[in-house]
Structures are given as structure tokens and as C-alpha cells.
Amino acid sequence: MATTPPPIPISAAFHARLRLLSSPPSSCSPPSLVVKCSINAIGDTESSKNLIKNGAGFKNFMLSAIADEQQLDENWNELDKATQRVEVEIQKNQETEARKKKMMMMMMMMEYINHLETKVSKIAELSEARAMMEEAEYGAMVTERKAMNKNKEKLESVKAATISAIVGTLASLPISLTHENDAFELTVSTAITIIACALYGATFRYAVRRDLDDFHLKTGTSAAFGIVKGVATLDGRPSLEHEAGSLLSHAFNGAVCVSENVLIFLFAAAGLDICYKMEILSPFPVERSVSRTKM
């Protein structure tokens, strides 16, 4: 009796192997899944349907994963762009802050410069006002000093005239006594000598001024006054006769008279010079012109 072989089972052994193949580390593409399926047999209809349903779900899962990864890439790109925009905005803000700081520094510097210019202008105004005050004070001081010096000059001139009159009169007494026999004539001659010597003393002070060592100037003034007074004295005497002897006699008397008057004024000049050196008298001007000094 022949034996029948065992029936082949309807179910089929289904073996599915899933292997995840990732791209190289340097690549930016998402990993891919490779599914290898080997069918050893054909099963029943329900098992096949379940397998197909499971494959469709896995495919949907893979598609969803790929879509999520693409969305993730897009979000990452958006985040990268947003980060770049933020960095740009931060850089712009930093530059704006730096410009604001520079502007503030410039404004502070301008205010400080304006403050300094205001101070300088005030100092200039104060200096100008001070200079004007000093000028006014100096003018008042000069005016007052001139008034004081004017009074001093008058006093010194009176002193010079008095000293010259005294010395000249004393020097003229011996000469007058030899020429004048009458007391009235002696008195008149003495009075004329006093007046002439007083005028000579005042003139001598203004003529010599501070050139006290100028011998020619001092003797020149004495000679000038002596000649003028001697000629005036000759003019008051009796008229000359037309005889030769009389003419020579009058010429000799005139020379003697002029010499005597010159000698009188020389004595007066000597007395004034001694008083100058003894600082009894002050030369003209009393004070030297003082140059203006800044306080």
C-alpha cells in the first residue's frame, strides 16, 4: 500500500530583516532604512493581509519620519537664519551704542570747550577792565603827582632864587662899596643886584636842569647875565665924549663893569652848585619821568 506524503502547510514562514544603513558622518542627508524581505513560502490569505497592512504602516512611519526630518531641517535653517539676524541686530545695536557714546563724548567736549571759551572771554573782559582801572588810577596818580610836583617846582625855584640873591648880593658888596659913595646909590645898586641874582637863580635851575656836571652850560649862563647887566650899567652912565682918551677910558670901565657882573653871577652859580651837591636844592624836574609799570 502506497504511502502519501505529508501535506504541505499552508502557512508560510515569513522572515523579514530590517537593516538601518546610515550615511557617512560627513554627509548631512538623513539616514535611510533598507528593508529586505525573503518569502520562504506562501501562507494563507489572512496572514498575507496582515503582512501587507504592517508593511503599509511601516511605510507610512518612514514617510512620516522623513517628513519630520525635512521639517526639522527647515526649522534648523530657520533657526540658523534667525540666529544670524539676531547677531546682525546685536552688531547693529553695538555700533549704534558706540556711535551714541561717541556723540555723547563729542557733546561733552563741545560743552567743555564752550565753557572754557566763556571763561576765557570773562578773563579777557576782566583783564580789559583791570587795565582800564589801572590806566585810570595811573592817570589820577600822574595828575596828582603833577600837581604836587608843580608845587614842589615852585618851592625849589623860590629857594634857588633866594640862594642866588643872597650869594650874589654878598659877592657884589665889595664891588658896590668901591664904586658907590652915597648910601642911596648903594641901596639902589644892591636892590638891582638882588633882583638880577634872584632871576638868575630861577633861570639857572631851569637852564641847567639835571646836567649839573656841564661846566660850559653853567659858566655860559653866568657870562650871559653878567654881560647883559654890565652893558645895562654902562648905558645908564653919562654919554661918551668924542675924545680918544675918553673913549678908551669908557671902554676900560665897561670891560671892568662887565667883568665885575660876570664875577657876581659866577659866585651865585657856585653857591647854587654847592647847594645842589649838598641836596639843599633839587634840580629841575624834581622827579624823573617814571615809566609806567604794570601792577
C-alpha atoms as a PDB file:
ATOM      1  CA  MET A   1       0.000   0.000   0.000  1.00  0.00           C
ATOM      2  CA  ALA A   2       1.451   3.194  -1.067  1.00  0.00           C
ATOM      3  CA  THR A   3       2.005   5.988   1.467  1.00  0.00           C
ATOM      4  CA  THR A   4       1.003   9.581   0.778  1.00  0.00           C
ATOM      5  CA  PRO A   5       3.372  12.364   1.546  1.00  0.00           C
ATOM      6  CA  PRO A   6       2.517  14.729   4.380  1.00  0.00           C
ATOM      7  CA  PRO A   7       0.571  17.767   3.338  1.00  0.00           C
ATOM      8  CA  ILE A   8       2.500  20.948   2.819  1.00  0.00           C
ATOM      9  CA  PRO A   9       1.474  23.510   5.444  1.00  0.00           C
ATOM     10  CA  ILE A  10      -0.432  26.459   4.140  1.00  0.00           C
ATOM     11  CA  SER A  11       1.315  28.867   6.445  1.00  0.00           C
ATOM     12  CA  ALA A  12       4.461  30.142   5.121  1.00  0.00           C
ATOM     13  CA  ALA A  13       7.418  31.187   7.098  1.00  0.00           C
ATOM     14  CA  PHE A  14       7.929  34.870   6.663  1.00  0.00           C
ATOM     15  CA  HIS A  15      11.214  36.250   7.636  1.00  0.00           C
ATOM     16  CA  ALA A  16      11.828  39.977   7.415  1.00  0.00           C
ATOM     17  CA  ARG A  17      15.073  41.585   8.186  1.00  0.00           C
ATOM     18  CA  LEU A  18      15.413  45.291   8.715  1.00  0.00           C
ATOM     19  CA  ARG A  19      18.793  46.898   8.437  1.00  0.00           C
ATOM     20  CA  LEU A  20      19.452  50.584   9.160  1.00  0.00           C
ATOM     21  CA  LEU A  21      22.049  51.967   6.864  1.00  0.00           C
ATOM     22  CA  SER A  22      23.276  55.398   7.885  1.00  0.00           C
ATOM     23  CA  SER A  23      25.151  57.745   5.602  1.00  0.00           C
ATOM     24  CA  PRO A  24      28.777  58.732   6.308  1.00  0.00           C
ATOM     25  CA  PRO A  25      29.317  61.179   9.211  1.00  0.00           C
ATOM     26  CA  SER A  26      30.289  63.994   6.869  1.00  0.00           C
ATOM     27  CA  SER A  27      27.017  63.815   4.941  1.00  0.00           C
ATOM     28  CA  CYS A  28      24.110  65.970   6.029  1.00  0.00           C
ATOM     29  CA  SER A  29      21.377  63.756   4.427  1.00  0.00           C
ATOM     30  CA  PRO A  30      19.062  61.879   6.847  1.00  0.00           C
ATOM     31  CA  PRO A  31      19.633  58.166   7.476  1.00  0.00           C
ATOM     32  CA  SER A  32      17.778  55.689   5.248  1.00  0.00           C
ATOM     33  CA  LEU A  33      16.205  52.435   6.102  1.00  0.00           C
ATOM     34  CA  VAL A  34      16.560  49.431   3.819  1.00  0.00           C
ATOM     35  CA  VAL A  35      14.091  46.617   4.228  1.00  0.00           C
ATOM     36  CA  LYS A  36      14.937  43.185   2.880  1.00  0.00           C
ATOM     37  CA  CYS A  37      12.193  40.640   2.802  1.00  0.00           C
ATOM     38  CA  SER A  38      12.538  36.960   1.952  1.00  0.00           C
ATOM     39  CA  ILE A  39       9.479  34.840   1.450  1.00  0.00           C
ATOM     40  CA  ASN A  40      10.026  31.183   2.004  1.00  0.00           C
ATOM     41  CA  ALA A  41       6.522  30.246   1.395  1.00  0.00           C
ATOM     42  CA  ILE A  42       3.126  31.490   0.644  1.00  0.00           C
ATOM     43  CA  GLY A  43       0.746  31.489   3.592  1.00  0.00           C
ATOM     44  CA  ASP A  44      -2.840  31.909   3.899  1.00  0.00           C
ATOM     45  CA  THR A  45      -4.790  34.966   2.876  1.00  0.00           C
ATOM     46  CA  GLU A  46      -5.202  36.473   6.344  1.00  0.00           C
ATOM     47  CA  SER A  47      -1.501  36.278   7.147  1.00  0.00           C
ATOM     48  CA  SER A  48      -0.710  37.909   3.835  1.00  0.00           C
ATOM     49  CA  LYS A  49      -3.169  40.677   4.552  1.00  0.00           C
ATOM     50  CA  ASN A  50      -1.648  41.290   7.951  1.00  0.00           C
ATOM     51  CA  LEU A  51       1.819  41.411   6.463  1.00  0.00           C
ATOM     52  CA  ILE A  52       0.712  43.857   3.819  1.00  0.00           C
ATOM     53  CA  LYS A  53      -1.021  46.001   6.406  1.00  0.00           C
ATOM     54  CA  ASN A  54       2.083  46.004   8.603  1.00  0.00           C
ATOM     55  CA  GLY A  55       4.248  46.957   5.596  1.00  0.00           C
ATOM     56  CA  ALA A  56       1.965  49.843   4.725  1.00  0.00           C
ATOM     57  CA  GLY A  57       2.132  51.118   8.332  1.00  0.00           C
ATOM     58  CA  PHE A  58       5.903  50.916   8.369  1.00  0.00           C
ATOM     59  CA  LYS A  59       5.984  52.786   5.064  1.00  0.00           C
ATOM     60  CA  ASN A  60       3.773  55.473   6.493  1.00  0.00           C
ATOM     61  CA  PHE A  61       6.026  55.614   9.546  1.00  0.00           C
ATOM     62  CA  MET A  62       9.083  56.003   7.356  1.00  0.00           C
ATOM     63  CA  LEU A  63       7.424  58.683   5.252  1.00  0.00           C
ATOM     64  CA  SER A  64       6.370  60.480   8.430  1.00  0.00           C
ATOM     65  CA  ALA A  65       9.925  60.239   9.795  1.00  0.00           C
ATOM     66  CA  ILE A  66      11.330  61.607   6.552  1.00  0.00           C
ATOM     67  CA  ALA A  67       8.782  64.433   6.581  1.00  0.00           C
ATOM     68  CA  ASP A  68       9.606  65.222  10.211  1.00  0.00           C
ATOM     69  CA  GLU A  69      13.284  65.225   9.401  1.00  0.00           C
ATOM     70  CA  GLN A  70      12.711  67.611   6.479  1.00  0.00           C
ATOM     71  CA  GLN A  71      10.627  69.821   8.765  1.00  0.00           C
ATOM     72  CA  LEU A  72      13.418  69.621  11.341  1.00  0.00           C
ATOM     73  CA  ASP A  73      15.921  70.678   8.689  1.00  0.00           C
ATOM     74  CA  GLU A  74      13.684  73.544   7.665  1.00  0.00           C
ATOM     75  CA  ASN A  75      13.246  74.566  11.288  1.00  0.00           C
ATOM     76  CA  TRP A  76      17.000  74.307  11.822  1.00  0.00           C
ATOM     77  CA  ASN A  77      17.625  76.503   8.778  1.00  0.00           C
ATOM     78  CA  GLU A  78      15.059  78.990  10.040  1.00  0.00           C
ATOM     79  CA  LEU A  79      16.727  78.933  13.471  1.00  0.00           C
ATOM     80  CA  ASP A  80      20.128  79.454  11.860  1.00  0.00           C
ATOM     81  CA  LYS A  81      18.807  82.375   9.821  1.00  0.00           C
ATOM     82  CA  ALA A  82      17.092  83.809  12.899  1.00  0.00           C
ATOM     83  CA  THR A  83      20.367  83.448  14.829  1.00  0.00           C
ATOM     84  CA  GLN A  84      22.202  85.265  12.065  1.00  0.00           C
ATOM     85  CA  ARG A  85      19.575  88.005  12.070  1.00  0.00           C
ATOM     86  CA  VAL A  86      19.882  88.326  15.846  1.00  0.00           C
ATOM     87  CA  GLU A  87      23.667  88.537  15.567  1.00  0.00           C
ATOM     88  CA  VAL A  88      23.331  91.200  12.874  1.00  0.00           C
ATOM     89  CA  GLU A  89      20.871  93.134  15.054  1.00  0.00           C
ATOM     90  CA  ILE A  90      23.183  92.802  18.061  1.00  0.00           C
ATOM     91  CA  GLN A  91      26.099  94.070  15.974  1.00  0.00           C
ATOM     92  CA  LYS A  92      23.962  96.958  14.720  1.00  0.00           C
ATOM     93  CA  ASN A  93      22.891  97.757  18.272  1.00  0.00           C
ATOM     94  CA  GLN A  94      26.508  97.668  19.408  1.00  0.00           C
ATOM     95  CA  GLU A  95      27.510 100.001  16.588  1.00  0.00           C
ATOM     96  CA  THR A  96      24.574 102.277  17.437  1.00  0.00           C
ATOM     97  CA  GLU A  97      25.590 102.330  21.105  1.00  0.00           C
ATOM     98  CA  ALA A  98      29.186 103.091  20.115  1.00  0.00           C
ATOM     99  CA  ARG A  99      28.004 105.958  17.907  1.00  0.00           C
ATOM    100  CA  LYS A 100      25.800 107.247  20.730  1.00  0.00           C
ATOM    101  CA  LYS A 101      28.751 107.113  23.122  1.00  0.00           C
ATOM    102  CA  LYS A 102      30.915 108.975  20.605  1.00  0.00           C
ATOM    103  CA  MET A 103      28.191 111.577  20.125  1.00  0.00           C
ATOM    104  CA  MET A 104      27.839 111.972  23.891  1.00  0.00           C
ATOM    105  CA  MET A 105      31.602 112.363  24.242  1.00  0.00           C
ATOM    106  CA  MET A 106      31.654 114.921  21.427  1.00  0.00           C
ATOM    107  CA  MET A 107      28.768 116.839  23.012  1.00  0.00           C
ATOM    108  CA  MET A 108      30.530 116.809  26.383  1.00  0.00           C
ATOM    109  CA  MET A 109      33.730 118.011  24.737  1.00  0.00           C
ATOM    110  CA  MET A 110      31.846 120.784  22.928  1.00  0.00           C
ATOM    111  CA  GLU A 111      30.184 121.852  26.177  1.00  0.00           C
ATOM    112  CA  TYR A 112      33.557 121.843  27.926  1.00  0.00           C
ATOM    113  CA  ILE A 113      35.122 123.860  25.093  1.00  0.00           C
ATOM    114  CA  ASN A 114      32.238 126.354  25.218  1.00  0.00           C
ATOM    115  CA  HIS A 115      32.684 126.577  28.976  1.00  0.00           C
ATOM    116  CA  LEU A 116      36.400 127.253  28.537  1.00  0.00           C
ATOM    117  CA  GLU A 117      35.706 129.856  25.842  1.00  0.00           C
ATOM    118  CA  THR A 118      33.225 131.558  28.182  1.00  0.00           C
ATOM    119  CA  LYS A 119      35.823 131.584  30.934  1.00  0.00           C
ATOM    120  CA  VAL A 120      38.454 132.939  28.548  1.00  0.00           C
ATOM    121  CA  SER A 121      36.111 135.694  27.402  1.00  0.00           C
ATOM    122  CA  LYS A 122      35.308 136.575  31.005  1.00  0.00           C
ATOM    123  CA  ILE A 123      39.003 136.606  31.862  1.00  0.00           C
ATOM    124  CA  ALA A 124      39.664 138.824  28.847  1.00  0.00           C
ATOM    125  CA  GLU A 125      36.887 141.184  29.933  1.00  0.00           C
ATOM    126  CA  LEU A 126      38.233 141.227  33.477  1.00  0.00           C
ATOM    127  CA  SER A 127      41.752 141.870  32.196  1.00  0.00           C
ATOM    128  CA  GLU A 128      40.489 144.693  29.995  1.00  0.00           C
ATOM    129  CA  ALA A 129      38.514 146.190  32.891  1.00  0.00           C
ATOM    130  CA  ARG A 130      41.546 145.839  35.131  1.00  0.00           C
ATOM    131  CA  ALA A 131      43.738 147.515  32.530  1.00  0.00           C
ATOM    132  CA  MET A 132      41.238 150.361  32.237  1.00  0.00           C
ATOM    133  CA  MET A 133      41.118 150.718  36.018  1.00  0.00           C
ATOM    134  CA  GLU A 134      44.894 150.703  36.200  1.00  0.00           C
ATOM    135  CA  GLU A 135      45.043 153.278  33.441  1.00  0.00           C
ATOM    136  CA  ALA A 136      42.518 155.457  35.257  1.00  0.00           C
ATOM    137  CA  GLU A 137      44.390 155.045  38.529  1.00  0.00           C
ATOM    138  CA  TYR A 138      47.653 155.799  36.786  1.00  0.00           C
ATOM    139  CA  GLY A 139      46.132 158.894  35.163  1.00  0.00           C
ATOM    140  CA  ALA A 140      44.796 160.098  38.503  1.00  0.00           C
ATOM    141  CA  MET A 141      48.145 159.355  40.128  1.00  0.00           C
ATOM    142  CA  VAL A 142      50.018 161.190  37.374  1.00  0.00           C
ATOM    143  CA  THR A 143      47.668 164.169  37.660  1.00  0.00           C
ATOM    144  CA  GLU A 144      48.066 164.244  41.413  1.00  0.00           C
ATOM    145  CA  ARG A 145      51.807 163.837  41.113  1.00  0.00           C
ATOM    146  CA  LYS A 146      51.980 166.603  38.554  1.00  0.00           C
ATOM    147  CA  ALA A 147      50.083 168.904  40.882  1.00  0.00           C
ATOM    148  CA  MET A 148      52.378 168.002  43.754  1.00  0.00           C
ATOM    149  CA  ASN A 149      55.451 168.355  41.570  1.00  0.00           C
ATOM    150  CA  LYS A 150      54.217 171.729  40.344  1.00  0.00           C
ATOM    151  CA  ASN A 151      54.074 172.993  43.892  1.00  0.00           C
ATOM    152  CA  LYS A 152      57.478 171.460  44.587  1.00  0.00           C
ATOM    153  CA  GLU A 153      58.903 173.079  41.465  1.00  0.00           C
ATOM    154  CA  LYS A 154      57.654 176.461  42.565  1.00  0.00           C
ATOM    155  CA  LEU A 155      59.150 175.990  46.018  1.00  0.00           C
ATOM    156  CA  GLU A 156      62.510 174.857  44.612  1.00  0.00           C
ATOM    157  CA  SER A 157      62.577 177.799  42.194  1.00  0.00           C
ATOM    158  CA  VAL A 158      61.941 180.212  45.085  1.00  0.00           C
ATOM    159  CA  LYS A 159      64.739 178.549  47.055  1.00  0.00           C
ATOM    160  CA  ALA A 160      67.117 178.790  44.095  1.00  0.00           C
ATOM    161  CA  ALA A 161      66.248 182.466  43.580  1.00  0.00           C
ATOM    162  CA  THR A 162      66.771 183.209  47.282  1.00  0.00           C
ATOM    163  CA  ILE A 163      70.133 181.425  47.475  1.00  0.00           C
ATOM    164  CA  SER A 164      71.336 183.093  44.278  1.00  0.00           C
ATOM    165  CA  ALA A 165      70.206 186.518  45.516  1.00  0.00           C
ATOM    166  CA  ILE A 166      71.975 186.091  48.859  1.00  0.00           C
ATOM    167  CA  VAL A 167      75.241 184.795  47.393  1.00  0.00           C
ATOM    168  CA  GLY A 168      75.238 187.298  44.525  1.00  0.00           C
ATOM    169  CA  THR A 169      74.493 190.224  46.845  1.00  0.00           C
ATOM    170  CA  LEU A 170      77.274 189.223  49.245  1.00  0.00           C
ATOM    171  CA  ALA A 171      79.653 188.877  46.309  1.00  0.00           C
ATOM    172  CA  SER A 172      78.623 192.294  44.930  1.00  0.00           C
ATOM    173  CA  LEU A 173      79.007 194.258  48.190  1.00  0.00           C
ATOM    174  CA  PRO A 174      82.765 194.811  47.940  1.00  0.00           C
ATOM    175  CA  ILE A 175      82.400 195.929  44.317  1.00  0.00           C
ATOM    176  CA  SER A 176      79.486 198.241  45.134  1.00  0.00           C
ATOM    177  CA  LEU A 177      81.344 199.814  48.038  1.00  0.00           C
ATOM    178  CA  THR A 178      84.244 200.704  45.781  1.00  0.00           C
ATOM    179  CA  HIS A 179      82.011 202.427  43.202  1.00  0.00           C
ATOM    180  CA  GLU A 180      79.183 203.928  45.231  1.00  0.00           C
ATOM    181  CA  ASN A 181      79.827 206.627  47.852  1.00  0.00           C
ATOM    182  CA  ASP A 182      76.231 207.584  48.585  1.00  0.00           C
ATOM    183  CA  ALA A 183      74.032 205.324  50.723  1.00  0.00           C
ATOM    184  CA  PHE A 184      71.061 205.833  48.410  1.00  0.00           C
ATOM    185  CA  GLU A 185      73.050 204.794  45.356  1.00  0.00           C
ATOM    186  CA  LEU A 186      74.415 201.810  47.268  1.00  0.00           C
ATOM    187  CA  THR A 187      70.910 200.784  48.247  1.00  0.00           C
ATOM    188  CA  VAL A 188      69.653 201.087  44.677  1.00  0.00           C
ATOM    189  CA  SER A 189      72.626 199.149  43.310  1.00  0.00           C
ATOM    190  CA  THR A 190      72.146 196.424  45.933  1.00  0.00           C
ATOM    191  CA  ALA A 191      68.420 196.151  45.157  1.00  0.00           C
ATOM    192  CA  ILE A 192      69.161 195.807  41.437  1.00  0.00           C
ATOM    193  CA  THR A 193      71.734 193.110  42.190  1.00  0.00           C
ATOM    194  CA  ILE A 194      69.270 191.202  44.411  1.00  0.00           C
ATOM    195  CA  ILE A 195      66.590 191.221  41.687  1.00  0.00           C
ATOM    196  CA  ALA A 196      69.055 190.255  38.954  1.00  0.00           C
ATOM    197  CA  CYS A 197      70.582 187.423  41.019  1.00  0.00           C
ATOM    198  CA  ALA A 198      67.139 186.111  42.019  1.00  0.00           C
ATOM    199  CA  LEU A 199      66.106 185.934  38.365  1.00  0.00           C
ATOM    200  CA  TYR A 200      69.445 184.325  37.578  1.00  0.00           C
ATOM    201  CA  GLY A 201      68.903 181.625  40.255  1.00  0.00           C
ATOM    202  CA  ALA A 202      65.494 180.628  38.848  1.00  0.00           C
ATOM    203  CA  THR A 203      66.768 180.717  35.257  1.00  0.00           C
ATOM    204  CA  PHE A 204      69.902 178.763  36.190  1.00  0.00           C
ATOM    205  CA  ARG A 205      67.780 175.951  37.672  1.00  0.00           C
ATOM    206  CA  TYR A 206      65.610 175.642  34.559  1.00  0.00           C
ATOM    207  CA  ALA A 207      68.576 176.008  32.172  1.00  0.00           C
ATOM    208  CA  VAL A 208      70.963 173.538  33.774  1.00  0.00           C
ATOM    209  CA  ARG A 209      68.188 171.090  34.801  1.00  0.00           C
ATOM    210  CA  ARG A 210      69.977 167.835  35.742  1.00  0.00           C
ATOM    211  CA  ASP A 211      73.157 168.488  33.747  1.00  0.00           C
ATOM    212  CA  LEU A 212      74.998 169.503  36.910  1.00  0.00           C
ATOM    213  CA  ASP A 213      78.386 168.453  35.547  1.00  0.00           C
ATOM    214  CA  ASP A 214      78.100 170.604  32.405  1.00  0.00           C
ATOM    215  CA  PHE A 215      80.675 173.309  33.144  1.00  0.00           C
ATOM    216  CA  HIS A 216      80.118 175.196  29.885  1.00  0.00           C
ATOM    217  CA  LEU A 217      76.384 175.470  30.495  1.00  0.00           C
ATOM    218  CA  LYS A 218      76.840 176.864  33.997  1.00  0.00           C
ATOM    219  CA  THR A 219      79.536 179.384  33.052  1.00  0.00           C
ATOM    220  CA  GLY A 220      77.636 180.327  29.888  1.00  0.00           C
ATOM    221  CA  THR A 221      74.562 181.378  31.823  1.00  0.00           C
ATOM    222  CA  SER A 222      76.741 183.381  34.234  1.00  0.00           C
ATOM    223  CA  ALA A 223      78.525 185.137  31.375  1.00  0.00           C
ATOM    224  CA  ALA A 224      75.261 185.910  29.590  1.00  0.00           C
ATOM    225  CA  PHE A 225      73.683 187.500  32.664  1.00  0.00           C
ATOM    226  CA  GLY A 226      76.917 189.336  33.529  1.00  0.00           C
ATOM    227  CA  ILE A 227      77.311 190.802  30.047  1.00  0.00           C
ATOM    228  CA  VAL A 228      73.688 191.936  29.897  1.00  0.00           C
ATOM    229  CA  LYS A 229      73.844 193.577  33.343  1.00  0.00           C
ATOM    230  CA  GLY A 230      77.239 195.172  32.641  1.00  0.00           C
ATOM    231  CA  VAL A 231      76.066 196.657  29.345  1.00  0.00           C
ATOM    232  CA  ALA A 232      72.898 197.918  31.049  1.00  0.00           C
ATOM    233  CA  THR A 233      75.038 199.562  33.728  1.00  0.00           C
ATOM    234  CA  LEU A 234      77.165 201.294  31.092  1.00  0.00           C
ATOM    235  CA  ASP A 235      74.030 202.518  29.326  1.00  0.00           C
ATOM    236  CA  GLY A 236      72.940 204.375  32.447  1.00  0.00           C
ATOM    237  CA  ARG A 237      76.178 206.327  32.814  1.00  0.00           C
ATOM    238  CA  PRO A 238      76.900 209.796  31.248  1.00  0.00           C
ATOM    239  CA  SER A 239      77.265 209.956  27.468  1.00  0.00           C
ATOM    240  CA  LEU A 240      80.673 209.422  25.937  1.00  0.00           C
ATOM    241  CA  GLU A 241      82.835 212.285  24.792  1.00  0.00           C
ATOM    242  CA  HIS A 242      84.366 212.307  21.298  1.00  0.00           C
ATOM    243  CA  GLU A 243      87.932 212.384  22.577  1.00  0.00           C
ATOM    244  CA  ALA A 244      90.224 209.397  22.106  1.00  0.00           C
ATOM    245  CA  GLY A 245      91.265 209.271  25.727  1.00  0.00           C
ATOM    246  CA  SER A 246      87.721 209.421  26.939  1.00  0.00           C
ATOM    247  CA  LEU A 247      86.707 206.605  24.571  1.00  0.00           C
ATOM    248  CA  LEU A 248      89.489 204.345  25.809  1.00  0.00           C
ATOM    249  CA  SER A 249      88.656 205.193  29.403  1.00  0.00           C
ATOM    250  CA  HIS A 250      84.978 204.275  28.907  1.00  0.00           C
ATOM    251  CA  ALA A 251      85.919 201.060  27.126  1.00  0.00           C
ATOM    252  CA  PHE A 252      88.148 200.074  30.023  1.00  0.00           C
ATOM    253  CA  ASN A 253      85.442 200.958  32.550  1.00  0.00           C
ATOM    254  CA  GLY A 254      82.909 198.981  30.532  1.00  0.00           C
ATOM    255  CA  ALA A 255      85.144 195.913  30.476  1.00  0.00           C
ATOM    256  CA  VAL A 256      85.684 196.220  34.206  1.00  0.00           C
ATOM    257  CA  CYS A 257      81.942 196.615  34.833  1.00  0.00           C
ATOM    258  CA  VAL A 258      81.068 193.597  32.695  1.00  0.00           C
ATOM    259  CA  SER A 259      83.765 191.530  34.375  1.00  0.00           C
ATOM    260  CA  GLU A 260      82.509 192.514  37.820  1.00  0.00           C
ATOM    261  CA  ASN A 261      78.939 191.481  36.957  1.00  0.00           C
ATOM    262  CA  VAL A 262      80.103 188.221  35.392  1.00  0.00           C
ATOM    263  CA  LEU A 263      82.042 187.531  38.587  1.00  0.00           C
ATOM    264  CA  ILE A 264      78.944 188.209  40.700  1.00  0.00           C
ATOM    265  CA  PHE A 265      76.903 185.695  38.712  1.00  0.00           C
ATOM    266  CA  LEU A 266      79.733 183.187  38.808  1.00  0.00           C
ATOM    267  CA  PHE A 267      79.647 183.367  42.601  1.00  0.00           C
ATOM    268  CA  ALA A 268      75.892 182.925  42.505  1.00  0.00           C
ATOM    269  CA  ALA A 269      76.285 179.887  40.209  1.00  0.00           C
ATOM    270  CA  ALA A 270      78.919 178.441  42.523  1.00  0.00           C
ATOM    271  CA  GLY A 271      76.592 178.840  45.502  1.00  0.00           C
ATOM    272  CA  LEU A 272      73.742 177.102  43.626  1.00  0.00           C
ATOM    273  CA  ASP A 273      76.049 174.272  42.571  1.00  0.00           C
ATOM    274  CA  ILE A 274      77.157 173.730  46.162  1.00  0.00           C
ATOM    275  CA  CYS A 275      73.528 173.645  47.310  1.00  0.00           C
ATOM    276  CA  TYR A 276      72.741 171.069  44.608  1.00  0.00           C
ATOM    277  CA  LYS A 277      75.563 168.834  45.754  1.00  0.00           C
ATOM    278  CA  MET A 278      74.551 169.233  49.400  1.00  0.00           C
ATOM    279  CA  GLU A 279      70.957 168.356  48.321  1.00  0.00           C
ATOM    280  CA  ILE A 280      69.634 171.598  49.748  1.00  0.00           C
ATOM    281  CA  LEU A 281      68.185 172.253  46.292  1.00  0.00           C
ATOM    282  CA  SER A 282      66.601 169.823  43.854  1.00  0.00           C
ATOM    283  CA  PRO A 283      67.317 170.177  40.127  1.00  0.00           C
ATOM    284  CA  PHE A 284      64.549 170.563  37.603  1.00  0.00           C
ATOM    285  CA  PRO A 285      62.460 168.473  37.364  1.00  0.00           C
ATOM    286  CA  VAL A 286      62.095 167.382  40.965  1.00  0.00           C
ATOM    287  CA  GLU A 287      61.250 163.785  39.947  1.00  0.00           C
ATOM    288  CA  ARG A 288      62.365 161.995  36.843  1.00  0.00           C
ATOM    289  CA  SER A 289      59.638 160.829  34.480  1.00  0.00           C
ATOM    290  CA  VAL A 290      58.633 157.476  35.823  1.00  0.00           C
ATOM    291  CA  SER A 291      57.810 154.863  33.241  1.00  0.00           C
ATOM    292  CA  ARG A 292      54.527 153.123  33.770  1.00  0.00           C
ATOM    293  CA  THR A 293      54.913 149.785  35.478  1.00  0.00           C
ATOM    294  CA  LYS A 294      52.295 147.061  35.317  1.00  0.00           C
ATOM    295  CA  MET A 295      50.997 146.014  38.657  1.00  0.00           C
END
